[in-house]
Amino acid sequence: MKDVNDSTQEAGLAVTGPGGTSNAGHDGAGRNGEGRDGQSRNGTGRGAASGGVQSIERAFDLLEMLADADGALGLSELSTVSGLPLPTVHRLMRTLVNRGYVRQEASRRYTLGSRLIRLGEISSRMLGTWLRPFLAQLVRLTGETANLAMLDGDEVVYIAQVPSPHSMRMFTEPGRRVLPHCTAVGKALLAQIPPGEARALLERDGMPAFTPATITDPDLLLAHLEVIRKQGYAVDEGEQEVGVRCFAVAIPDTPGLLAISTSGPQARMTDDAAARIVPALKRTAREISETIAAEGAG
């Protein structure tokens, strides 16, 4: 079985040799609008009730508004959405600009700043470390490689992996980015966003074929996403790498779009295997969701 070294390749088989080395390929395996706690931004601040610091609460609300807007916002827009007075918004945004967490464009509108990139990268790594025990549990239940991934912009990024105990198994380097249209985790994640947004994403990046099984027609994939929404899981039928089959489910009710998957050679990832693997994936996804929710409540 060939190695997969190209960073755009997502799935491949790794065979562990006598010395414990392996030929590495990649697993074939939010932003869901519900990550916020649904509280209105009325200018009173959650800190007043929770014992937190009101100005910090307000600053994070403004950062999240910029993230939700997926673009730039002006002071008046931020004031309207947040319910805060213009002078208060201006003072908070000036502080965030000075710290590099917000950038002010020539138009005087605000967008997220570059200093957040480092925080996001470190946060993703820590999230993978924190949730890795759930992947280990999934490997014990299924016998196959387990992966955690998220939708970051238009790409899927793998956060963590626990490999299968089999000598022939999947290997994914955390941090690897792939296009979502030909991976199980990618399709599970695309199914969580509105069809119009999914189509726009696909049109921006294209849908290159990696194998003869890759879906390259956006209309066909959008219809496929509707099936995924109804059945609650996605399948990669050798669409990223020949000989690899993967199952994936989205993790519900998380701040960002997250998914988990199991991956392995098609000879082991049969329909009979799916009958036990998919329920284990769904159960683990619920447990991860509950753990993240409990952390937020704490």
Protein backbone atom coordinates (compact mmCIF):
# COMPACT_ATOMS: atom_id res chain seq x y z
CA MET A 1 0.00 0.00 0.00
CA LYS A 2 1.51 3.33 -1.02
CA ASP A 3 2.49 6.07 1.39
CA VAL A 4 0.65 9.35 1.24
CA ASN A 5 2.98 12.24 1.82
CA ASP A 6 1.21 15.05 -0.01
CA SER A 7 -0.36 17.33 2.61
CA THR A 8 -3.52 17.54 0.52
CA GLN A 9 -4.09 13.80 0.80
CA GLU A 10 -6.34 12.80 3.64
CA ALA A 11 -6.40 9.03 3.81
CA GLY A 12 -3.85 6.26 3.59
CA LEU A 13 -2.90 3.01 5.23
CA ALA A 14 0.07 2.71 7.54
CA VAL A 15 1.60 -0.71 8.08
CA THR A 16 3.63 -1.04 11.25
CA GLY A 17 6.89 -2.84 10.66
CA PRO A 18 8.85 -5.07 13.01
CA GLY A 19 10.77 -2.11 14.36
CA GLY A 20 7.60 -0.19 15.19
CA THR A 21 8.00 2.26 12.31
CA SER A 22 5.09 2.98 10.04
CA ASN A 23 4.37 4.27 6.58
CA ALA A 24 2.04 7.17 7.17
CA GLY A 25 -0.95 8.14 5.16
CA HIS A 26 -4.01 10.03 6.29
CA ASP A 27 -7.44 9.39 7.70
CA GLY A 28 -10.29 9.15 5.24
CA ALA A 29 -12.66 9.85 7.47
CA GLY A 30 -18.10 25.11 15.36
CA ARG A 31 -19.46 27.14 13.59
CA ASN A 32 -23.04 25.95 13.97
CA GLY A 33 -24.67 29.15 15.07
CA GLU A 34 -25.49 27.55 18.40
CA GLY A 35 -22.11 27.88 20.07
CA ARG A 36 -23.12 31.06 21.84
CA ASP A 37 -25.23 30.63 24.92
CA GLY A 38 -28.16 32.47 23.37
CA GLN A 39 -28.12 35.29 25.90
CA SER A 40 -28.98 38.76 24.63
CA ARG A 41 -26.29 41.37 24.56
CA ASN A 42 -28.16 44.05 26.44
CA GLY A 43 -25.25 45.95 27.83
CA THR A 44 -25.75 44.70 31.37
CA GLY A 45 -23.08 42.03 31.00
CA ARG A 46 -23.24 38.46 32.28
CA GLY A 47 -20.52 39.33 34.78
CA ALA A 48 -22.97 41.27 36.93
CA ALA A 49 -24.88 38.07 37.63
CA SER A 50 -22.01 35.59 37.61
CA GLY A 51 -19.46 37.55 39.60
CA GLY A 52 -17.27 38.09 36.54
CA VAL A 53 -15.72 41.31 35.23
CA GLN A 54 -18.24 43.19 33.13
CA SER A 55 -15.77 44.90 30.82
CA ILE A 56 -14.12 41.58 29.96
CA GLU A 57 -17.52 40.01 29.28
CA ARG A 58 -18.34 42.89 26.95
CA ALA A 59 -15.01 42.70 25.14
CA PHE A 60 -15.45 38.99 24.45
CA ASP A 61 -19.00 39.62 23.25
CA LEU A 62 -17.66 42.13 20.75
CA LEU A 63 -15.00 39.67 19.55
CA GLU A 64 -17.64 37.01 19.05
CA MET A 65 -19.83 39.46 17.14
CA LEU A 66 -16.95 40.08 14.73
CA ALA A 67 -16.49 36.33 14.35
CA ASP A 68 -20.21 35.80 13.74
CA ALA A 69 -20.22 38.56 11.12
CA ASP A 70 -17.44 36.78 9.20
CA GLY A 71 -16.26 40.20 8.07
CA ALA A 72 -15.91 43.78 9.25
CA LEU A 73 -18.34 45.80 11.38
CA GLY A 74 -18.52 49.48 12.19
CA LEU A 75 -18.94 51.07 15.60
CA SER A 76 -22.63 51.81 15.09
CA GLU A 77 -23.31 48.20 14.05
CA LEU A 78 -21.48 46.87 17.07
CA SER A 79 -23.37 49.26 19.32
CA THR A 80 -26.72 48.24 17.84
CA VAL A 81 -26.12 44.51 18.12
CA SER A 82 -24.54 44.65 21.57
CA GLY A 83 -26.91 47.22 23.05
CA LEU A 84 -23.91 49.11 24.41
CA PRO A 85 -23.45 52.88 24.09
CA LEU A 86 -21.17 54.05 21.30
CA PRO A 87 -18.55 55.51 23.69
CA THR A 88 -18.33 52.18 25.53
CA VAL A 89 -17.92 50.22 22.30
CA HIS A 90 -15.31 52.69 21.06
CA ARG A 91 -13.29 52.40 24.27
CA LEU A 92 -13.37 48.59 24.25
CA MET A 93 -12.51 48.34 20.55
CA ARG A 94 -9.62 50.79 20.95
CA THR A 95 -8.20 48.58 23.70
CA LEU A 96 -8.58 45.44 21.57
CA VAL A 97 -6.92 47.18 18.61
CA ASN A 98 -4.01 48.27 20.80
CA ARG A 99 -3.56 44.66 21.94
CA GLY A 100 -3.71 43.28 18.37
CA TYR A 101 -6.87 41.24 18.89
CA VAL A 102 -8.85 43.53 16.59
CA ARG A 103 -7.72 45.36 13.46
CA GLN A 104 -9.21 48.61 12.20
CA GLU A 105 -9.40 48.84 8.43
CA ALA A 106 -9.01 51.96 6.30
CA SER A 107 -12.79 52.15 6.15
CA ARG A 108 -12.76 52.55 9.97
CA ARG A 109 -14.59 49.23 10.31
CA TYR A 110 -13.26 46.54 12.63
CA THR A 111 -12.27 42.93 12.01
CA LEU A 112 -10.53 40.24 14.02
CA GLY A 113 -6.81 40.77 14.52
CA SER A 114 -3.83 38.54 13.80
CA ARG A 115 -2.93 38.05 17.45
CA LEU A 116 -5.93 35.72 17.77
CA ILE A 117 -4.32 33.25 15.35
CA ARG A 118 -1.76 32.08 17.91
CA LEU A 119 -4.42 31.71 20.58
CA GLY A 120 -6.59 29.69 18.22
CA GLU A 121 -3.76 27.34 17.26
CA ILE A 122 -2.82 26.68 20.87
CA SER A 123 -6.48 26.28 21.84
CA SER A 124 -6.98 23.67 19.10
CA ARG A 125 -4.00 21.66 20.31
CA MET A 126 -5.21 21.79 23.89
CA LEU A 127 -8.71 20.78 22.80
CA GLY A 128 -7.26 17.71 21.11
CA THR A 129 -5.31 16.80 24.24
CA TRP A 130 -8.36 17.30 26.45
CA LEU A 131 -10.66 15.16 24.30
CA ARG A 132 -8.14 12.47 23.37
CA PRO A 133 -9.46 10.04 26.04
CA PHE A 134 -12.77 9.94 24.16
CA LEU A 135 -10.90 8.90 21.02
CA ALA A 136 -9.07 6.21 22.96
CA GLN A 137 -12.43 4.94 24.20
CA LEU A 138 -13.70 4.89 20.62
CA VAL A 139 -10.71 2.81 19.52
CA ARG A 140 -11.43 0.30 22.30
CA LEU A 141 -15.04 0.07 21.17
CA THR A 142 -14.44 -0.18 17.42
CA GLY A 143 -10.88 -1.47 17.00
CA GLU A 144 -10.24 1.24 14.38
CA THR A 145 -8.39 4.55 14.26
CA ALA A 146 -10.34 7.46 15.77
CA ASN A 147 -10.01 11.11 14.77
CA LEU A 148 -11.18 14.52 15.96
CA ALA A 149 -11.48 17.31 13.39
CA MET A 150 -12.95 20.77 13.01
CA LEU A 151 -14.06 23.06 10.20
CA ASP A 152 -11.67 26.01 10.10
CA GLY A 153 -12.61 28.46 7.39
CA ASP A 154 -13.09 26.41 4.23
CA GLU A 155 -10.90 23.50 5.33
CA VAL A 156 -11.04 20.57 7.70
CA VAL A 157 -8.20 20.49 10.21
CA TYR A 158 -7.41 17.37 12.21
CA ILE A 159 -6.94 18.09 15.91
CA ALA A 160 -6.18 14.68 17.39
CA GLN A 161 -5.97 10.99 16.57
CA VAL A 162 -5.68 7.70 18.44
CA PRO A 163 -4.48 4.89 16.14
CA SER A 164 -5.92 1.42 15.83
CA PRO A 165 -4.00 -1.48 17.41
CA HIS A 166 -3.99 -3.27 14.03
CA SER A 167 -0.68 -3.40 12.16
CA MET A 168 -2.45 -2.02 9.07
CA ARG A 169 -4.09 1.18 10.25
CA MET A 170 -4.68 4.83 9.50
CA PHE A 171 -2.32 7.61 10.49
CA THR A 172 -3.17 11.30 10.53
CA GLU A 173 -0.86 14.09 11.57
CA PRO A 174 -2.70 16.57 13.83
CA GLY A 175 -2.78 19.95 12.16
CA ARG A 176 -3.18 18.57 8.66
CA ARG A 177 -5.72 20.43 6.56
CA VAL A 178 -7.85 18.91 3.82
CA LEU A 179 -10.78 19.89 1.65
CA PRO A 180 -14.11 18.73 3.09
CA HIS A 181 -15.92 17.39 0.03
CA CYS A 182 -14.16 14.02 -0.14
CA THR A 183 -13.81 13.11 3.54
CA ALA A 184 -16.30 11.65 5.98
CA VAL A 185 -15.56 14.26 8.65
CA GLY A 186 -15.73 17.01 6.05
CA LYS A 187 -19.13 15.91 4.80
CA ALA A 188 -20.43 15.49 8.36
CA LEU A 189 -19.31 19.07 9.06
CA LEU A 190 -20.72 20.49 5.81
CA ALA A 191 -24.07 18.94 6.70
CA GLN A 192 -24.17 21.17 9.80
CA ILE A 193 -24.21 24.46 7.87
CA PRO A 194 -27.00 25.88 5.68
CA PRO A 195 -26.98 24.53 2.09
CA GLY A 196 -26.30 27.98 0.67
CA GLU A 197 -23.18 28.37 2.81
CA ALA A 198 -22.04 24.86 1.92
CA ARG A 199 -22.44 25.58 -1.80
CA ALA A 200 -20.50 28.85 -1.49
CA LEU A 201 -17.68 27.04 0.31
CA LEU A 202 -17.51 24.36 -2.36
CA GLU A 203 -17.49 26.94 -5.16
CA ARG A 204 -14.68 28.91 -3.52
CA ASP A 205 -12.31 25.96 -3.23
CA GLY A 206 -13.50 23.65 -5.98
CA MET A 207 -14.06 19.91 -5.72
CA PRO A 208 -11.00 18.16 -7.17
CA ALA A 209 -11.13 14.42 -7.68
CA PHE A 210 -8.68 12.41 -5.59
CA THR A 211 -10.04 9.00 -6.64
CA PRO A 212 -12.66 7.81 -9.13
CA ALA A 213 -15.16 7.76 -6.24
CA THR A 214 -14.74 11.45 -5.31
CA ILE A 215 -17.93 13.50 -5.65
CA THR A 216 -17.08 16.49 -7.85
CA ASP A 217 -20.59 17.79 -8.65
CA PRO A 218 -21.80 20.34 -6.05
CA ASP A 219 -25.47 19.53 -6.68
CA LEU A 220 -24.83 15.84 -6.11
CA LEU A 221 -22.89 16.55 -2.92
CA LEU A 222 -25.57 18.90 -1.58
CA ALA A 223 -28.16 16.14 -2.10
CA HIS A 224 -25.77 13.77 -0.33
CA LEU A 225 -25.52 16.18 2.60
CA GLU A 226 -29.29 16.03 3.03
CA VAL A 227 -29.03 12.24 3.39
CA ILE A 228 -26.28 12.74 5.99
CA ARG A 229 -28.51 15.12 7.97
CA LYS A 230 -31.30 12.55 8.06
CA GLN A 231 -29.20 9.50 8.96
CA GLY A 232 -26.88 11.36 11.32
CA TYR A 233 -23.54 10.16 9.94
CA ALA A 234 -21.31 10.42 6.87
CA VAL A 235 -19.30 7.83 4.96
CA ASP A 236 -16.16 8.15 2.85
CA GLU A 237 -16.29 5.36 0.29
CA GLY A 238 -12.69 5.56 -0.85
CA GLU A 239 -13.26 9.14 -2.01
CA GLN A 240 -9.97 10.49 -0.69
CA GLU A 241 -7.81 7.39 -0.89
CA VAL A 242 -8.50 4.13 -2.68
CA GLY A 243 -8.98 1.22 -0.28
CA VAL A 244 -9.97 3.35 2.71
CA ARG A 245 -13.44 3.59 4.23
CA CYS A 246 -14.46 5.94 7.03
CA PHE A 247 -17.51 6.83 9.13
CA ALA A 248 -18.00 10.20 10.82
CA VAL A 249 -20.53 12.10 12.92
CA ALA A 250 -20.70 15.75 13.91
CA ILE A 251 -20.46 16.65 17.59
CA PRO A 252 -23.63 18.56 18.51
CA ASP A 253 -23.91 21.87 20.34
CA THR A 254 -20.28 22.97 20.34
CA PRO A 255 -18.86 26.50 19.97
CA GLY A 256 -17.22 25.50 16.68
CA LEU A 257 -17.98 22.78 14.15
CA LEU A 258 -16.39 19.55 15.38
CA ALA A 259 -16.65 15.94 14.18
CA ILE A 260 -15.20 12.55 15.05
CA SER A 261 -14.52 9.63 12.75
CA THR A 262 -13.20 6.10 12.53
CA SER A 263 -11.07 5.02 9.59
CA GLY A 264 -9.67 1.77 8.27
CA PRO A 265 -9.16 -0.47 5.25
CA GLN A 266 -12.34 -1.31 3.36
CA ALA A 267 -11.80 -4.98 4.08
CA ARG A 268 -12.49 -4.30 7.78
CA MET A 269 -14.84 -1.31 7.48
CA THR A 270 -17.75 -3.36 6.15
CA ASP A 271 -21.48 -2.67 6.50
CA ASP A 272 -21.55 -5.17 9.37
CA ALA A 273 -18.79 -3.16 11.06
CA ALA A 274 -20.76 0.04 10.46
CA ALA A 275 -23.68 -1.40 12.43
CA ARG A 276 -21.57 -1.29 15.59
CA ILE A 277 -19.21 1.59 14.74
CA VAL A 278 -21.82 4.25 13.91
CA PRO A 279 -23.72 3.88 17.23
CA ALA A 280 -20.39 4.09 19.08
CA LEU A 281 -19.53 7.28 17.17
CA LYS A 282 -22.89 8.86 17.97
CA ARG A 283 -22.64 7.93 21.65
CA THR A 284 -19.10 9.31 21.91
CA ALA A 285 -20.12 12.51 20.12
CA ARG A 286 -22.88 13.07 22.69
CA GLU A 287 -20.45 12.46 25.55
CA ILE A 288 -17.97 14.97 24.11
CA SER A 289 -20.77 17.51 23.66
CA GLU A 290 -21.88 17.07 27.27
CA THR A 291 -18.31 17.41 28.51
CA ILE A 292 -17.75 20.65 26.58
CA ALA A 293 -21.09 22.02 27.80
CA ALA A 294 -20.24 21.18 31.40
CA GLU A 295 -16.87 22.94 31.03
CA GLY A 296 -18.64 26.05 29.76
CA ALA A 297 -21.13 25.95 32.62
CA GLY A 298 -18.30 25.65 35.07
